[in-house]
N, C-alpha and C. Protein backbone atom coordinates (compact mmCIF):
# COMPACT_ATOMS: atom_id res chain seq x y z
N THR A 1 84.68 98.79 127.90
CA THR A 1 84.08 98.34 126.66
C THR A 1 82.61 98.74 126.63
N GLY A 2 81.97 98.49 125.53
CA GLY A 2 80.58 98.85 125.36
C GLY A 2 79.64 98.13 126.32
N ASP A 3 79.96 96.88 126.65
CA ASP A 3 79.11 96.14 127.60
C ASP A 3 79.06 96.84 128.94
N VAL A 4 80.18 97.39 129.35
CA VAL A 4 80.23 98.10 130.63
C VAL A 4 79.37 99.36 130.54
N LEU A 5 79.43 100.06 129.42
CA LEU A 5 78.60 101.25 129.26
C LEU A 5 77.12 100.90 129.29
N THR A 6 76.74 99.79 128.69
CA THR A 6 75.34 99.37 128.71
C THR A 6 74.89 99.08 130.14
N ARG A 7 75.72 98.34 130.87
CA ARG A 7 75.37 98.04 132.28
C ARG A 7 75.31 99.31 133.10
N PHE A 8 76.24 100.23 132.85
CA PHE A 8 76.26 101.50 133.54
C PHE A 8 74.98 102.28 133.24
N GLY A 9 74.59 102.31 131.97
CA GLY A 9 73.37 103.00 131.58
C GLY A 9 72.14 102.38 132.20
N LEU A 10 72.09 101.05 132.24
CA LEU A 10 70.95 100.37 132.86
C LEU A 10 70.86 100.70 134.33
N SER A 11 72.00 100.72 134.99
CA SER A 11 72.02 101.04 136.42
C SER A 11 71.58 102.49 136.65
N ALA A 12 72.09 103.40 135.86
CA ALA A 12 71.76 104.82 136.02
C ALA A 12 70.29 105.09 135.71
N ALA A 13 69.74 104.32 134.78
CA ALA A 13 68.34 104.52 134.39
C ALA A 13 67.40 103.75 135.31
N GLY A 14 67.93 103.21 136.40
CA GLY A 14 67.09 102.47 137.33
C GLY A 14 66.88 101.04 136.89
N GLY A 15 67.80 100.52 136.06
CA GLY A 15 67.61 99.19 135.51
C GLY A 15 68.40 98.11 136.19
N GLY A 16 69.01 98.36 137.29
CA GLY A 16 69.75 97.31 137.99
C GLY A 16 68.78 96.34 138.63
N GLY A 17 67.78 95.92 137.89
CA GLY A 17 66.74 95.06 138.45
C GLY A 17 65.50 95.86 138.75
N GLY A 18 65.57 97.19 138.54
CA GLY A 18 64.45 98.08 138.85
C GLY A 18 63.48 98.22 137.70
N ALA A 19 62.75 99.32 137.68
CA ALA A 19 61.66 99.52 136.74
C ALA A 19 62.12 99.54 135.28
N TYR A 20 63.21 100.26 134.99
CA TYR A 20 63.64 100.37 133.60
C TYR A 20 64.04 99.02 133.05
N ARG A 21 64.75 98.25 133.85
CA ARG A 21 65.24 96.93 133.40
C ARG A 21 64.06 96.00 133.12
N SER A 22 63.11 95.98 134.01
CA SER A 22 62.03 95.03 133.84
C SER A 22 61.00 95.50 132.81
N ALA A 23 60.72 96.80 132.76
CA ALA A 23 59.69 97.28 131.86
C ALA A 23 60.22 97.60 130.47
N ALA A 24 61.32 98.33 130.40
CA ALA A 24 61.75 98.83 129.10
C ALA A 24 62.93 98.08 128.51
N ALA A 25 63.80 97.54 129.31
CA ALA A 25 65.03 96.93 128.78
C ALA A 25 64.98 95.43 128.83
N SER A 26 63.81 94.88 128.64
CA SER A 26 63.70 93.44 128.70
C SER A 26 64.29 92.76 127.48
N SER A 27 64.39 93.48 126.37
CA SER A 27 64.97 92.88 125.17
C SER A 27 66.31 93.53 124.86
N SER A 28 67.08 92.86 124.01
CA SER A 28 68.38 93.41 123.64
C SER A 28 68.22 94.70 122.86
N ASP A 29 67.10 94.86 122.13
CA ASP A 29 66.86 96.09 121.39
C ASP A 29 66.74 97.28 122.34
N ASP A 30 66.06 97.09 123.49
CA ASP A 30 65.92 98.16 124.47
C ASP A 30 67.26 98.49 125.12
N GLU A 31 68.09 97.48 125.32
CA GLU A 31 69.42 97.73 125.89
C GLU A 31 70.26 98.58 124.95
N ARG A 32 69.99 98.49 123.67
CA ARG A 32 70.73 99.31 122.70
C ARG A 32 70.41 100.79 122.88
N HIS A 33 69.23 101.09 123.39
CA HIS A 33 68.80 102.48 123.50
C HIS A 33 68.88 103.02 124.92
N VAL A 34 69.37 102.24 125.86
CA VAL A 34 69.39 102.68 127.25
C VAL A 34 70.26 103.91 127.46
N LEU A 35 71.30 104.08 126.65
CA LEU A 35 72.19 105.23 126.81
C LEU A 35 71.54 106.52 126.33
N GLN A 36 70.35 106.43 125.76
CA GLN A 36 69.61 107.62 125.37
C GLN A 36 68.67 108.08 126.48
N ASP A 37 68.53 107.28 127.52
CA ASP A 37 67.70 107.64 128.67
C ASP A 37 68.32 108.87 129.34
N PRO A 38 67.52 109.87 129.73
CA PRO A 38 68.07 111.09 130.34
C PRO A 38 68.92 110.83 131.59
N ALA A 39 68.51 109.90 132.43
CA ALA A 39 69.30 109.61 133.64
C ALA A 39 70.63 108.96 133.27
N ALA A 40 70.62 108.08 132.28
CA ALA A 40 71.85 107.43 131.84
C ALA A 40 72.77 108.45 131.18
N ARG A 41 72.21 109.36 130.39
CA ARG A 41 73.02 110.39 129.74
C ARG A 41 73.67 111.31 130.77
N LYS A 42 72.95 111.66 131.80
CA LYS A 42 73.49 112.52 132.87
C LYS A 42 74.63 111.80 133.59
N ALA A 43 74.41 110.54 133.94
CA ALA A 43 75.44 109.77 134.64
C ALA A 43 76.67 109.58 133.76
N LEU A 44 76.46 109.34 132.47
CA LEU A 44 77.57 109.17 131.54
C LEU A 44 78.35 110.47 131.39
N ALA A 45 77.64 111.60 131.37
CA ALA A 45 78.32 112.91 131.28
C ALA A 45 79.19 113.15 132.51
N ASP A 46 78.79 112.62 133.66
CA ASP A 46 79.61 112.74 134.88
C ASP A 46 80.80 111.78 134.84
N LEU A 47 80.65 110.66 134.16
CA LEU A 47 81.69 109.62 134.13
C LEU A 47 82.79 109.89 133.10
N VAL A 48 82.42 110.33 131.91
CA VAL A 48 83.40 110.40 130.82
C VAL A 48 84.65 111.24 131.11
N PRO A 49 84.56 112.34 131.85
CA PRO A 49 85.80 113.09 132.11
C PRO A 49 86.81 112.31 132.97
N LEU A 50 86.37 111.27 133.61
CA LEU A 50 87.24 110.48 134.49
C LEU A 50 87.95 109.34 133.77
N VAL A 51 87.55 109.08 132.53
CA VAL A 51 88.09 107.94 131.77
C VAL A 51 89.09 108.45 130.74
N SER A 52 90.23 107.78 130.64
CA SER A 52 91.27 108.20 129.69
C SER A 52 91.11 107.59 128.31
N VAL A 53 90.70 106.33 128.23
CA VAL A 53 90.63 105.63 126.94
C VAL A 53 89.29 104.91 126.83
N PHE A 54 88.64 105.13 125.72
CA PHE A 54 87.44 104.38 125.38
C PHE A 54 87.80 103.52 124.18
N ALA A 55 87.70 102.21 124.33
CA ALA A 55 88.12 101.32 123.25
C ALA A 55 87.13 100.18 123.06
N ARG A 56 87.09 99.67 121.84
CA ARG A 56 86.27 98.51 121.48
C ARG A 56 84.79 98.74 121.78
N HIS A 57 84.23 99.79 121.20
CA HIS A 57 82.82 100.12 121.42
C HIS A 57 82.00 99.92 120.16
N ALA A 58 80.76 99.60 120.37
CA ALA A 58 79.79 99.53 119.29
C ALA A 58 79.49 100.97 118.85
N PRO A 59 78.99 101.15 117.64
CA PRO A 59 78.69 102.52 117.16
C PRO A 59 77.80 103.32 118.10
N ARG A 60 76.80 102.69 118.69
CA ARG A 60 75.91 103.43 119.60
C ARG A 60 76.62 103.90 120.85
N HIS A 61 77.63 103.13 121.29
CA HIS A 61 78.40 103.53 122.47
C HIS A 61 79.33 104.69 122.13
N LYS A 62 79.93 104.65 120.94
CA LYS A 62 80.80 105.76 120.51
C LYS A 62 80.00 107.05 120.47
N GLU A 63 78.81 106.96 119.90
CA GLU A 63 77.95 108.13 119.79
C GLU A 63 77.55 108.64 121.18
N ALA A 64 77.24 107.73 122.09
CA ALA A 64 76.85 108.12 123.45
C ALA A 64 78.01 108.78 124.19
N VAL A 65 79.23 108.27 124.00
CA VAL A 65 80.40 108.86 124.67
C VAL A 65 80.65 110.27 124.16
N VAL A 66 80.58 110.47 122.84
CA VAL A 66 80.78 111.81 122.28
C VAL A 66 79.68 112.75 122.77
N ALA A 67 78.44 112.28 122.79
CA ALA A 67 77.33 113.10 123.28
C ALA A 67 77.53 113.45 124.76
N ALA A 68 78.04 112.50 125.54
CA ALA A 68 78.27 112.76 126.96
C ALA A 68 79.35 113.82 127.16
N PHE A 69 80.41 113.74 126.36
CA PHE A 69 81.44 114.79 126.44
C PHE A 69 80.85 116.15 126.07
N ASN A 70 80.02 116.16 125.04
CA ASN A 70 79.37 117.42 124.64
C ASN A 70 78.50 117.96 125.76
N GLU A 71 77.71 117.08 126.38
CA GLU A 71 76.83 117.51 127.47
C GLU A 71 77.61 117.94 128.70
N ALA A 72 78.83 117.44 128.85
CA ALA A 72 79.68 117.83 129.98
C ALA A 72 80.38 119.16 129.71
N GLY A 73 80.09 119.75 128.53
CA GLY A 73 80.68 121.05 128.21
C GLY A 73 82.05 120.97 127.58
N ARG A 74 82.44 119.79 127.14
CA ARG A 74 83.75 119.61 126.51
C ARG A 74 83.63 119.84 125.01
N HIS A 75 84.75 120.20 124.39
CA HIS A 75 84.83 120.27 122.94
C HIS A 75 85.31 118.91 122.47
N THR A 76 84.68 118.38 121.44
CA THR A 76 85.00 117.02 121.02
C THR A 76 85.52 116.95 119.60
N LEU A 77 86.46 116.04 119.41
CA LEU A 77 86.97 115.67 118.10
C LEU A 77 86.89 114.16 118.06
N PHE A 78 86.30 113.63 117.02
CA PHE A 78 86.22 112.19 116.86
C PHE A 78 86.86 111.82 115.54
N CYS A 79 87.73 110.84 115.59
CA CYS A 79 88.42 110.36 114.40
C CYS A 79 87.95 108.93 114.14
N GLY A 80 87.38 108.71 112.95
CA GLY A 80 86.85 107.40 112.63
C GLY A 80 87.30 106.94 111.27
N ASP A 81 87.22 105.63 111.06
CA ASP A 81 87.70 105.07 109.79
C ASP A 81 86.66 104.21 109.08
N GLY A 82 85.44 104.27 109.48
CA GLY A 82 84.46 103.41 108.83
C GLY A 82 83.05 103.96 108.92
N THR A 83 82.14 103.30 108.23
CA THR A 83 80.76 103.76 108.21
C THR A 83 80.09 103.63 109.57
N ASN A 84 80.61 102.74 110.41
CA ASN A 84 80.02 102.58 111.74
C ASN A 84 80.33 103.76 112.65
N ASP A 85 81.19 104.67 112.22
CA ASP A 85 81.56 105.83 113.03
C ASP A 85 80.77 107.08 112.68
N VAL A 86 79.87 106.99 111.71
CA VAL A 86 79.17 108.17 111.22
C VAL A 86 78.42 108.90 112.32
N GLY A 87 77.70 108.18 113.18
CA GLY A 87 76.94 108.83 114.25
C GLY A 87 77.82 109.65 115.17
N ALA A 88 78.93 109.06 115.59
CA ALA A 88 79.85 109.78 116.48
C ALA A 88 80.53 110.93 115.75
N LEU A 89 80.86 110.73 114.48
CA LEU A 89 81.47 111.81 113.69
C LEU A 89 80.53 113.01 113.58
N LYS A 90 79.24 112.73 113.42
CA LYS A 90 78.26 113.81 113.30
C LYS A 90 78.02 114.52 114.62
N LYS A 91 78.07 113.79 115.73
CA LYS A 91 77.84 114.39 117.04
C LYS A 91 79.01 115.23 117.53
N ALA A 92 80.21 114.90 117.10
CA ALA A 92 81.41 115.61 117.56
C ALA A 92 81.44 117.02 116.98
N HIS A 93 82.10 117.92 117.71
CA HIS A 93 82.30 119.27 117.18
C HIS A 93 83.16 119.22 115.92
N VAL A 94 84.17 118.36 115.95
CA VAL A 94 85.03 118.15 114.80
C VAL A 94 85.06 116.66 114.51
N GLY A 95 84.68 116.28 113.31
CA GLY A 95 84.70 114.87 112.92
C GLY A 95 85.74 114.66 111.84
N VAL A 96 86.68 113.77 112.08
CA VAL A 96 87.74 113.48 111.12
C VAL A 96 87.55 112.05 110.64
N SER A 97 87.32 111.92 109.34
CA SER A 97 87.14 110.60 108.76
C SER A 97 88.40 110.22 108.00
N ILE A 98 88.98 109.12 108.38
CA ILE A 98 90.18 108.63 107.71
C ILE A 98 89.73 107.72 106.58
N ILE A 99 90.08 108.10 105.39
CA ILE A 99 89.70 107.30 104.23
C ILE A 99 90.96 106.84 103.52
N SER A 100 90.81 105.80 102.75
CA SER A 100 91.96 105.33 101.99
C SER A 100 91.83 105.84 100.57
N VAL A 101 92.98 106.08 99.96
CA VAL A 101 93.02 106.53 98.58
C VAL A 101 93.80 105.46 97.82
N PRO A 102 93.09 104.55 97.16
CA PRO A 102 93.74 103.40 96.52
C PRO A 102 94.88 103.76 95.58
N ASP A 103 94.72 104.82 94.77
CA ASP A 103 95.78 105.19 93.83
C ASP A 103 97.05 105.61 94.56
N VAL A 104 96.89 106.39 95.61
CA VAL A 104 98.05 106.85 96.38
C VAL A 104 98.70 105.66 97.10
N GLU A 105 97.88 104.79 97.67
CA GLU A 105 98.42 103.62 98.36
C GLU A 105 99.17 102.71 97.40
N LYS A 106 98.65 102.55 96.17
CA LYS A 106 99.30 101.71 95.17
C LYS A 106 100.66 102.29 94.78
N LYS A 107 100.72 103.61 94.59
CA LYS A 107 101.98 104.28 94.26
C LYS A 107 102.98 104.14 95.41
N GLN A 108 102.50 104.27 96.63
CA GLN A 108 103.38 104.15 97.80
C GLN A 108 103.94 102.74 97.91
N ARG A 109 103.10 101.73 97.69
CA ARG A 109 103.57 100.35 97.73
C ARG A 109 104.62 100.10 96.66
N ALA A 110 104.37 100.61 95.45
CA ALA A 110 105.32 100.43 94.35
C ALA A 110 106.65 101.12 94.68
N ALA A 111 106.59 102.32 95.25
CA ALA A 111 107.81 103.04 95.62
C ALA A 111 108.58 102.28 96.70
N ASN A 112 107.86 101.73 97.67
CA ASN A 112 108.52 100.96 98.73
C ASN A 112 109.17 99.70 98.18
N GLU A 113 108.49 99.03 97.25
CA GLU A 113 109.06 97.82 96.64
C GLU A 113 110.31 98.15 95.84
N THR A 114 110.28 99.25 95.10
CA THR A 114 111.45 99.68 94.34
C THR A 114 112.61 100.01 95.27
N LEU A 115 112.31 100.72 96.33
CA LEU A 115 113.34 101.08 97.31
C LEU A 115 113.94 99.83 97.95
N ASP A 116 113.11 98.87 98.29
CA ASP A 116 113.60 97.61 98.86
C ASP A 116 114.51 96.88 97.88
N ALA A 117 114.12 96.87 96.59
CA ALA A 117 114.94 96.20 95.56
C ALA A 117 116.29 96.89 95.41
N VAL A 118 116.29 98.22 95.41
CA VAL A 118 117.55 98.98 95.30
C VAL A 118 118.45 98.70 96.50
N ARG A 119 117.86 98.70 97.69
CA ARG A 119 118.65 98.42 98.90
C ARG A 119 119.24 97.01 98.86
N ALA A 120 118.46 96.04 98.41
CA ALA A 120 118.94 94.66 98.32
C ALA A 120 120.09 94.55 97.32
N GLU A 121 119.97 95.23 96.18
CA GLU A 121 121.03 95.23 95.17
C GLU A 121 122.30 95.90 95.70
N ASP A 122 122.15 97.02 96.41
CA ASP A 122 123.31 97.69 97.01
C ASP A 122 124.00 96.80 98.04
N LYS A 123 123.20 96.12 98.83
CA LYS A 123 123.75 95.22 99.85
C LYS A 123 124.55 94.10 99.19
N LYS A 124 124.00 93.55 98.09
CA LYS A 124 124.67 92.48 97.37
C LYS A 124 125.99 92.99 96.77
N LYS A 125 125.99 94.20 96.19
CA LYS A 125 127.20 94.79 95.60
C LYS A 125 128.26 95.03 96.67
N ASN A 126 127.84 95.53 97.82
CA ASN A 126 128.79 95.79 98.91
C ASN A 126 129.42 94.50 99.41
N ARG A 127 128.64 93.45 99.49
CA ARG A 127 129.17 92.15 99.90
C ARG A 127 130.20 91.66 98.90
N LYS A 128 129.90 91.82 97.62
CA LYS A 128 130.81 91.38 96.56
C LYS A 128 132.09 92.21 96.59
N LYS A 129 131.99 93.52 96.80
CA LYS A 129 133.18 94.39 96.88
C LYS A 129 134.09 93.97 98.03
N LYS A 130 133.50 93.69 99.17
CA LYS A 130 134.29 93.27 100.34
C LYS A 130 135.01 91.96 100.06
N THR A 131 134.34 91.04 99.40
CA THR A 131 134.94 89.75 99.08
C THR A 131 136.06 89.93 98.06
N ASP A 132 135.83 90.73 97.01
CA ASP A 132 136.85 90.96 95.98
C ASP A 132 138.06 91.71 96.53
N ALA A 133 137.85 92.69 97.37
CA ALA A 133 138.94 93.50 97.90
C ALA A 133 139.76 92.74 98.92
N GLY A 134 139.16 91.88 99.66
CA GLY A 134 139.85 91.19 100.75
C GLY A 134 140.30 89.79 100.38
N GLY A 135 140.11 89.36 99.18
CA GLY A 135 140.47 87.99 98.83
C GLY A 135 139.36 87.04 99.26
N ARG A 136 139.61 85.78 99.06
CA ARG A 136 138.58 84.82 99.45
C ARG A 136 138.62 84.61 100.96
N LYS A 137 137.50 84.29 101.51
CA LYS A 137 137.41 84.13 102.96
C LYS A 137 137.76 82.71 103.35
N SER A 138 138.46 82.59 104.47
CA SER A 138 138.81 81.25 104.96
C SER A 138 137.68 80.72 105.82
N ALA A 139 137.78 79.49 106.22
CA ALA A 139 136.76 78.85 107.05
C ALA A 139 136.69 79.50 108.42
N ARG A 140 137.79 80.09 108.90
CA ARG A 140 137.81 80.72 110.22
C ARG A 140 137.32 82.16 110.17
N GLY A 141 136.99 82.65 109.00
CA GLY A 141 136.48 84.01 108.90
C GLY A 141 137.55 85.00 108.50
N GLY A 142 138.81 84.59 108.42
CA GLY A 142 139.88 85.49 108.03
C GLY A 142 140.00 85.52 106.52
N ASN A 143 140.99 86.21 106.04
CA ASN A 143 141.23 86.29 104.59
C ASN A 143 142.41 85.40 104.23
N ALA A 144 142.14 84.37 103.47
CA ALA A 144 143.18 83.37 103.16
C ALA A 144 144.15 83.85 102.09
N GLY A 145 143.71 84.65 101.14
CA GLY A 145 144.58 85.03 100.03
C GLY A 145 145.28 86.36 100.23
N ARG A 146 145.23 86.94 101.37
CA ARG A 146 145.76 88.27 101.59
C ARG A 146 147.18 88.20 102.13
N LYS A 147 148.02 89.08 101.61
CA LYS A 147 149.40 89.15 102.11
C LYS A 147 149.50 90.25 103.12
N SER A 148 150.36 90.05 104.15
CA SER A 148 150.53 91.06 105.18
C SER A 148 151.71 91.93 104.90
């Protein structure tokens, strides 16, 4: 998570209780920028190829991870769905923004509702056909009015 990246950046920048932590990262605002420190960026560039999934990150962490992949010589694609992803989308070699199209979504919902209604009507008709063709059903599940 992003908290781990911040701690990692503080440690790499000499902030594990050292100079960076006491002088520059004393406030939460400075902790937000620790991943921009050259030592932290170098350490992050060494770390990112070893990690398979990056999840639940703040926008600044997403941007730092994409930048670290870039600095490690990797080609990057970032897929985002909100305004908080803009920084990472811009840093990536390929940025894919997933947007919603209300008109298309509305048509799709209407089509799905119509399809569900048709399926329900077909199911009801099939049940009625089975009952009509087989006579009335007995309490045991057999057909009471059917001759053998």
